[in-house]
Protein backbone atom coordinates (compact mmCIF):
# COMPACT_ATOMS: atom_id res chain seq x y z
CA MET A 1 8.70 -17.36 -7.65
CA SER A 2 11.23 -17.74 -10.44
CA PRO A 3 14.77 -16.35 -10.13
CA ASP A 4 13.91 -13.71 -12.75
CA GLU A 5 11.02 -12.38 -10.63
CA SER A 6 13.07 -12.16 -7.46
CA SER A 7 15.82 -10.21 -9.24
CA LEU A 8 13.47 -7.36 -10.18
CA PHE A 9 14.09 -5.75 -6.79
CA ASP A 10 17.18 -5.36 -4.67
CA PHE A 11 15.85 -5.72 -1.12
CA PRO A 12 15.61 -3.78 1.08
CA CYS A 13 14.24 -1.03 -1.16
CA SER A 14 11.80 1.87 -1.11
CA PHE A 15 8.46 0.68 -2.50
CA PRO A 16 5.24 2.70 -2.95
CA ILE A 17 1.95 0.92 -2.23
CA LYS A 18 -1.15 2.65 -3.62
CA ALA A 19 -4.77 1.91 -2.69
CA MET A 20 -7.87 3.60 -4.06
CA GLY A 21 -11.33 3.83 -2.57
CA ARG A 22 -14.28 6.09 -1.85
CA ASN A 23 -13.44 9.30 -0.01
CA GLU A 24 -15.46 8.43 3.08
CA GLY A 25 -15.21 6.91 6.52
CA ASP A 26 -11.95 5.45 7.72
CA PHE A 27 -10.42 4.62 4.35
CA GLU A 28 -7.01 6.18 5.01
CA THR A 29 -6.83 4.73 8.52
CA THR A 30 -7.74 1.28 7.18
CA VAL A 31 -5.10 1.36 4.43
CA VAL A 32 -2.34 2.63 6.73
CA GLY A 33 -3.29 0.03 9.36
CA ILE A 34 -3.06 -2.82 6.85
CA VAL A 35 0.32 -1.66 5.55
CA ARG A 36 1.65 -1.04 9.08
CA ARG A 37 0.88 -4.67 10.06
CA HIS A 38 3.47 -5.77 7.50
CA ALA A 39 5.82 -2.76 7.67
CA PRO A 40 5.65 -1.38 11.23
CA ASP A 41 8.55 1.04 10.75
CA LEU A 42 6.74 3.59 8.56
CA GLY A 43 8.60 6.85 8.63
CA GLU A 44 7.31 10.40 8.76
CA GLY A 45 6.02 11.47 5.37
CA ALA A 46 5.42 7.88 4.27
CA VAL A 47 1.70 8.47 3.62
CA ARG A 48 0.26 10.69 0.89
CA ALA A 49 -3.41 11.19 0.02
CA GLN A 50 -4.79 12.51 -3.28
CA SER A 51 -8.50 13.16 -3.86
CA SER A 52 -10.07 12.71 -7.28
CA GLY A 53 -11.20 15.76 -9.22
CA GLY A 54 -14.79 15.38 -8.03
CA GLY A 55 -13.75 14.43 -4.51
CA ARG A 56 -15.66 11.14 -4.49
CA PHE A 57 -12.55 8.96 -4.48
CA VAL A 58 -9.14 9.10 -2.84
CA SER A 59 -5.84 7.35 -3.43
CA ILE A 60 -3.51 6.65 -0.55
CA THR A 61 0.16 6.01 -1.28
CA VAL A 62 2.24 4.50 1.50
CA THR A 63 5.97 4.24 0.80
CA ILE A 64 7.62 1.43 2.74
CA THR A 65 11.08 -0.02 3.01
CA ALA A 66 10.29 -3.41 1.54
CA THR A 67 12.34 -6.31 2.83
CA SER A 68 11.06 -9.11 0.57
CA ARG A 69 8.71 -9.99 -2.26
CA ASP A 70 6.65 -12.03 0.23
CA GLN A 71 6.11 -8.89 2.34
CA ILE A 72 4.84 -6.95 -0.69
CA ASP A 73 2.58 -9.82 -1.76
CA ALA A 74 1.09 -10.07 1.75
CA ILE A 75 0.32 -6.34 1.82
CA TYR A 76 -1.44 -6.50 -1.55
CA ALA A 77 -3.38 -9.60 -0.49
CA ASP A 78 -4.67 -7.87 2.65
CA LEU A 79 -5.48 -4.64 0.79
CA THR A 80 -7.47 -6.39 -1.93
CA ALA A 81 -9.37 -8.37 0.74
CA ALA A 82 -10.46 -5.16 2.51
CA ASP A 83 -14.01 -4.07 1.65
CA LEU A 84 -13.15 -0.36 1.54
CA VAL A 85 -10.33 -0.83 -1.00
CA LEU A 86 -11.54 -0.68 -4.60
CA MET A 87 -8.10 -1.11 -6.18
CA ALA A 88 -4.52 -1.66 -5.05
CA LEU A 89 -1.49 -0.91 -7.22
């Protein structure tokens, strides 16, 4: 990581992680579980869910207190590797 990339954030900071997938099964539980592995101190109100207009898809936003760029990268790597996650932002 270049010095310019690391200066984009002033850690620790509040950082929203968003994952999208089909509105079925254990999608929300899966996403929250992945994020919690890397950020175990999730506070109350840290998770928000929003269904698509037709209800077929859902986005889950988990706001964490990020401590490093490596932590954020690890969360995104695990989310994109999960079969239920169609997209992570």
